[in-house]
Each structure stands twice: as structure tokens, then as C-alpha cells.
Amino acid sequence: MMTFIIILFLVIAFIVGNIMWLKPSPRDRALMAQRKQAKDAGFSVHLRPAPEWLELPEGRRMIAHYQWPHALPKALIGKWRWHAGLGNWQPVDNAEAWLNAMPWPTPAPETWLGIEVLTNATIVYWREDAKSTSVDTMRSVLAAASA
């Protein structure tokens, strides 16, 4: 009888252990909450490979794309890459952008990698940090640039 109880306990422990592996980690839960907050704020959230113009090293190409569906001024249309070494934003394929004042905060928020301004939307490429304040910061920066 004792052997049966020990085996039953091991089987139950094995099943419960495997079920516990299926639970998302606290960081994953925080990322899910951040993505939900961004969607509630009007962003379209995607996790995709980074575009080539960001020049990210191999193995670090999967990043978050948060798309803001509001138009920004036409002078900002283009691609902007944060260059940590130089400590400034660099326009990509738009030499005229250097003539305008930089609309983006310098230094860039810690996890931002690049911004692409389209005619009807703005995409922020970044590494999610699971902080609830990051979405508010992103929204306020984009709203200030559209003013």
C-alpha cells in the first residue's frame, strides 16, 4: 500500500510540474499587459523581424513594432535610426531631414531603436521593457511631434 501511495504522489507531482511549465513567467505577463495597454491607447502591436535599415546584429532581429495610426507633419516622413555611439537620431535615406529640428527626444528612450514616419501612421521599433510607463512615454512623444 505504501508503494502505491509513493507512486501516486510521484505521478501527481509529475503532472503538476508539467502544468506549471505552461504558466507564463512574470516578465511574459508584464509584456502581455504592456501590449494590451498599447492596444487600448490606439497602437497596433506586432512582433516582427527588424527592417534592414536598423542594422541590428544577427540574433537580435526580433523586435516590437508599435504603430500609431495618426499622421505626423510631412516634414517628418522618413526613417529615423537611433545611433547610440553618436548619441543622436540619424535620418535614413532623407538628407533633407537634417535641416529640420529633431522632433524625437534626445537621448532616445532607453529601448527605442528607430522610428518610421509614413503618410498615415508612425511606427516605433523598440525592445519591449515590460514597464507600463513606456507606452505613455511613446504616446506623449508622438502626440507632441504631431502638434
C-alpha atoms as a PDB file:
ATOM      1  CA  MET A   1       0.000   0.000   0.000  1.00  0.00           C
ATOM      2  CA  MET A   2       2.835   2.391   0.840  1.00  0.00           C
ATOM      3  CA  THR A   3       4.432   1.793  -2.564  1.00  0.00           C
ATOM      4  CA  PHE A   4       1.142   2.669  -4.257  1.00  0.00           C
ATOM      5  CA  ILE A   5       0.925   5.974  -2.361  1.00  0.00           C
ATOM      6  CA  ILE A   6       4.514   6.896  -3.256  1.00  0.00           C
ATOM      7  CA  ILE A   7       3.958   6.097  -6.939  1.00  0.00           C
ATOM      8  CA  LEU A   8       0.663   8.018  -6.924  1.00  0.00           C
ATOM      9  CA  PHE A   9       2.408  11.016  -5.326  1.00  0.00           C
ATOM     10  CA  LEU A  10       5.191  10.922  -7.962  1.00  0.00           C
ATOM     11  CA  VAL A  11       2.679  10.733 -10.814  1.00  0.00           C
ATOM     12  CA  ILE A  12       0.697  13.664  -9.429  1.00  0.00           C
ATOM     13  CA  ALA A  13       3.895  15.663  -8.854  1.00  0.00           C
ATOM     14  CA  PHE A  14       4.982  14.929 -12.438  1.00  0.00           C
ATOM     15  CA  ILE A  15       1.631  16.114 -13.844  1.00  0.00           C
ATOM     16  CA  VAL A  16       1.527  19.256 -11.692  1.00  0.00           C
ATOM     17  CA  GLY A  17       5.152  20.044 -12.566  1.00  0.00           C
ATOM     18  CA  ASN A  18       4.441  19.865 -16.282  1.00  0.00           C
ATOM     19  CA  ILE A  19       1.366  22.056 -15.904  1.00  0.00           C
ATOM     20  CA  MET A  20       3.429  24.650 -14.043  1.00  0.00           C
ATOM     21  CA  TRP A  21       5.803  24.859 -17.033  1.00  0.00           C
ATOM     22  CA  LEU A  22       2.874  26.088 -19.126  1.00  0.00           C
ATOM     23  CA  LYS A  23       2.295  29.173 -16.967  1.00  0.00           C
ATOM     24  CA  PRO A  24       3.728  32.390 -18.380  1.00  0.00           C
ATOM     25  CA  SER A  25       6.576  33.921 -16.422  1.00  0.00           C
ATOM     26  CA  PRO A  26       6.102  37.236 -14.587  1.00  0.00           C
ATOM     27  CA  ARG A  27       8.008  39.035 -17.392  1.00  0.00           C
ATOM     28  CA  ASP A  28       5.749  37.469 -20.032  1.00  0.00           C
ATOM     29  CA  ARG A  29       2.678  38.554 -18.082  1.00  0.00           C
ATOM     30  CA  ALA A  30       4.084  42.094 -17.825  1.00  0.00           C
ATOM     31  CA  LEU A  31       4.746  42.136 -21.598  1.00  0.00           C
ATOM     32  CA  MET A  32       1.173  40.979 -22.262  1.00  0.00           C
ATOM     33  CA  ALA A  33      -0.117  43.760 -20.014  1.00  0.00           C
ATOM     34  CA  GLN A  34       2.078  46.317 -21.809  1.00  0.00           C
ATOM     35  CA  ARG A  35       0.812  45.185 -25.220  1.00  0.00           C
ATOM     36  CA  LYS A  36      -2.781  45.358 -24.027  1.00  0.00           C
ATOM     37  CA  GLN A  37      -2.182  48.850 -22.662  1.00  0.00           C
ATOM     38  CA  ALA A  38      -0.696  49.885 -26.023  1.00  0.00           C
ATOM     39  CA  LYS A  39      -3.685  48.495 -27.916  1.00  0.00           C
ATOM     40  CA  ASP A  40      -6.026  50.336 -25.560  1.00  0.00           C
ATOM     41  CA  ALA A  41      -4.032  53.535 -26.246  1.00  0.00           C
ATOM     42  CA  GLY A  42      -4.598  53.142 -30.001  1.00  0.00           C
ATOM     43  CA  PHE A  43      -1.389  51.430 -31.080  1.00  0.00           C
ATOM     44  CA  SER A  44      -1.230  48.415 -33.354  1.00  0.00           C
ATOM     45  CA  VAL A  45       1.251  45.976 -31.807  1.00  0.00           C
ATOM     46  CA  HIS A  46       3.377  43.474 -33.758  1.00  0.00           C
ATOM     47  CA  LEU A  47       6.473  41.395 -33.074  1.00  0.00           C
ATOM     48  CA  ARG A  48       8.461  41.034 -36.293  1.00  0.00           C
ATOM     49  CA  PRO A  49      11.992  40.921 -37.654  1.00  0.00           C
ATOM     50  CA  ALA A  50      13.619  44.347 -37.701  1.00  0.00           C
ATOM     51  CA  PRO A  51      13.975  46.095 -41.042  1.00  0.00           C
ATOM     52  CA  GLU A  52      17.453  46.064 -42.584  1.00  0.00           C
ATOM     53  CA  TRP A  53      17.953  49.822 -42.214  1.00  0.00           C
ATOM     54  CA  LEU A  54      18.113  49.454 -38.417  1.00  0.00           C
ATOM     55  CA  GLU A  55      21.341  47.478 -38.911  1.00  0.00           C
ATOM     56  CA  LEU A  56      20.830  45.180 -35.948  1.00  0.00           C
ATOM     57  CA  PRO A  57      23.221  42.268 -35.425  1.00  0.00           C
ATOM     58  CA  GLU A  58      22.155  38.705 -36.176  1.00  0.00           C
ATOM     59  CA  GLY A  59      20.303  37.092 -33.318  1.00  0.00           C
ATOM     60  CA  ARG A  60      18.797  40.400 -32.166  1.00  0.00           C
ATOM     61  CA  ARG A  61      16.476  40.966 -35.087  1.00  0.00           C
ATOM     62  CA  MET A  62      13.072  40.228 -33.486  1.00  0.00           C
ATOM     63  CA  ILE A  63      11.708  43.497 -32.160  1.00  0.00           C
ATOM     64  CA  ALA A  64       8.383  45.096 -31.365  1.00  0.00           C
ATOM     65  CA  HIS A  65       6.646  47.358 -33.892  1.00  0.00           C
ATOM     66  CA  TYR A  66       4.153  49.707 -32.302  1.00  0.00           C
ATOM     67  CA  GLN A  67       2.189  51.552 -34.966  1.00  0.00           C
ATOM     68  CA  TRP A  68       0.498  54.869 -34.142  1.00  0.00           C
ATOM     69  CA  PRO A  69      -2.334  55.405 -36.654  1.00  0.00           C
ATOM     70  CA  HIS A  70      -2.150  59.214 -36.725  1.00  0.00           C
ATOM     71  CA  ALA A  71      -0.461  61.318 -39.374  1.00  0.00           C
ATOM     72  CA  LEU A  72       2.557  63.427 -38.447  1.00  0.00           C
ATOM     73  CA  PRO A  73       3.740  66.524 -40.367  1.00  0.00           C
ATOM     74  CA  LYS A  74       5.035  65.795 -43.876  1.00  0.00           C
ATOM     75  CA  ALA A  75       8.476  67.161 -42.949  1.00  0.00           C
ATOM     76  CA  LEU A  76       8.950  64.153 -40.645  1.00  0.00           C
ATOM     77  CA  ILE A  77       8.165  61.486 -43.252  1.00  0.00           C
ATOM     78  CA  GLY A  78      11.045  59.065 -43.430  1.00  0.00           C
ATOM     79  CA  LYS A  79      13.050  56.634 -41.361  1.00  0.00           C
ATOM     80  CA  TRP A  80      14.985  57.625 -38.250  1.00  0.00           C
ATOM     81  CA  ARG A  81      17.559  55.386 -36.561  1.00  0.00           C
ATOM     82  CA  TRP A  82      18.942  55.977 -33.077  1.00  0.00           C
ATOM     83  CA  HIS A  83      22.736  55.847 -33.089  1.00  0.00           C
ATOM     84  CA  ALA A  84      23.867  55.147 -29.532  1.00  0.00           C
ATOM     85  CA  GLY A  85      27.532  55.729 -30.367  1.00  0.00           C
ATOM     86  CA  LEU A  86      26.906  59.252 -31.670  1.00  0.00           C
ATOM     87  CA  GLY A  87      24.065  59.901 -29.241  1.00  0.00           C
ATOM     88  CA  ASN A  88      21.636  61.242 -31.821  1.00  0.00           C
ATOM     89  CA  TRP A  89      18.923  60.346 -34.319  1.00  0.00           C
ATOM     90  CA  GLN A  90      20.004  59.752 -37.900  1.00  0.00           C
ATOM     91  CA  PRO A  91      17.613  60.112 -40.810  1.00  0.00           C
ATOM     92  CA  VAL A  92      17.856  57.187 -43.234  1.00  0.00           C
ATOM     93  CA  ASP A  93      17.506  57.942 -46.977  1.00  0.00           C
ATOM     94  CA  ASN A  94      16.400  61.542 -46.356  1.00  0.00           C
ATOM     95  CA  ALA A  95      19.258  64.043 -46.305  1.00  0.00           C
ATOM     96  CA  GLU A  96      16.828  66.986 -46.067  1.00  0.00           C
ATOM     97  CA  ALA A  97      15.693  65.793 -42.634  1.00  0.00           C
ATOM     98  CA  TRP A  98      18.947  67.118 -41.141  1.00  0.00           C
ATOM     99  CA  LEU A  99      17.740  70.644 -41.952  1.00  0.00           C
ATOM    100  CA  ASN A 100      14.761  70.385 -39.598  1.00  0.00           C
ATOM    101  CA  ALA A 101      14.839  70.344 -35.818  1.00  0.00           C
ATOM    102  CA  MET A 102      14.868  66.825 -34.388  1.00  0.00           C
ATOM    103  CA  PRO A 103      11.339  66.018 -33.259  1.00  0.00           C
ATOM    104  CA  TRP A 104      12.380  62.992 -31.229  1.00  0.00           C
ATOM    105  CA  PRO A 105      13.704  63.102 -27.670  1.00  0.00           C
ATOM    106  CA  THR A 106      17.471  63.074 -27.337  1.00  0.00           C
ATOM    107  CA  PRO A 107      18.714  60.876 -25.855  1.00  0.00           C
ATOM    108  CA  ALA A 108      16.199  58.367 -27.113  1.00  0.00           C
ATOM    109  CA  PRO A 109      14.133  56.450 -24.595  1.00  0.00           C
ATOM    110  CA  GLU A 110      16.255  53.527 -23.460  1.00  0.00           C
ATOM    111  CA  THR A 111      14.772  50.774 -25.613  1.00  0.00           C
ATOM    112  CA  TRP A 112      13.894  52.699 -28.796  1.00  0.00           C
ATOM    113  CA  LEU A 113      15.747  51.637 -31.929  1.00  0.00           C
ATOM    114  CA  GLY A 114      14.098  53.545 -34.754  1.00  0.00           C
ATOM    115  CA  ILE A 115      11.052  55.418 -35.999  1.00  0.00           C
ATOM    116  CA  GLU A 116       9.437  55.235 -39.410  1.00  0.00           C
ATOM    117  CA  VAL A 117       7.022  58.019 -40.301  1.00  0.00           C
ATOM    118  CA  LEU A 118       4.582  57.138 -43.073  1.00  0.00           C
ATOM    119  CA  THR A 119       1.924  59.366 -44.601  1.00  0.00           C
ATOM    120  CA  ASN A 120      -0.814  57.827 -42.485  1.00  0.00           C
ATOM    121  CA  ALA A 121       0.963  56.298 -39.488  1.00  0.00           C
ATOM    122  CA  THR A 122       4.122  56.203 -37.417  1.00  0.00           C
ATOM    123  CA  ILE A 123       5.939  53.010 -36.435  1.00  0.00           C
ATOM    124  CA  VAL A 124       8.214  52.851 -33.415  1.00  0.00           C
ATOM    125  CA  TYR A 125      10.715  49.975 -33.454  1.00  0.00           C
ATOM    126  CA  TRP A 126      11.868  49.072 -29.975  1.00  0.00           C
ATOM    127  CA  ARG A 127      12.680  46.363 -27.471  1.00  0.00           C
ATOM    128  CA  GLU A 128       9.783  45.999 -25.083  1.00  0.00           C
ATOM    129  CA  ASP A 129      10.726  46.589 -21.470  1.00  0.00           C
ATOM    130  CA  ALA A 130       7.519  45.459 -19.688  1.00  0.00           C
ATOM    131  CA  LYS A 131       7.123  48.864 -17.990  1.00  0.00           C
ATOM    132  CA  SER A 132       3.695  50.457 -18.045  1.00  0.00           C
ATOM    133  CA  THR A 133       5.151  53.968 -18.314  1.00  0.00           C
ATOM    134  CA  SER A 134       6.869  53.213 -21.641  1.00  0.00           C
ATOM    135  CA  VAL A 135       3.622  53.213 -23.619  1.00  0.00           C
ATOM    136  CA  ASP A 136       2.597  56.533 -22.071  1.00  0.00           C
ATOM    137  CA  THR A 137       6.003  57.998 -22.948  1.00  0.00           C
ATOM    138  CA  MET A 138       5.723  56.740 -26.522  1.00  0.00           C
ATOM    139  CA  ARG A 139       2.260  58.181 -26.904  1.00  0.00           C
ATOM    140  CA  SER A 140       3.242  61.577 -25.469  1.00  0.00           C
ATOM    141  CA  VAL A 141       6.334  61.827 -27.743  1.00  0.00           C
ATOM    142  CA  LEU A 142       4.284  61.018 -30.840  1.00  0.00           C
ATOM    143  CA  ALA A 143       1.476  63.345 -29.813  1.00  0.00           C
ATOM    144  CA  ALA A 144       3.981  66.182 -29.257  1.00  0.00           C
ATOM    145  CA  ALA A 145       5.515  65.572 -32.704  1.00  0.00           C
ATOM    146  CA  SER A 146       2.096  65.753 -34.336  1.00  0.00           C
ATOM    147  CA  ALA A 147       1.321  69.114 -32.730  1.00  0.00           C
END
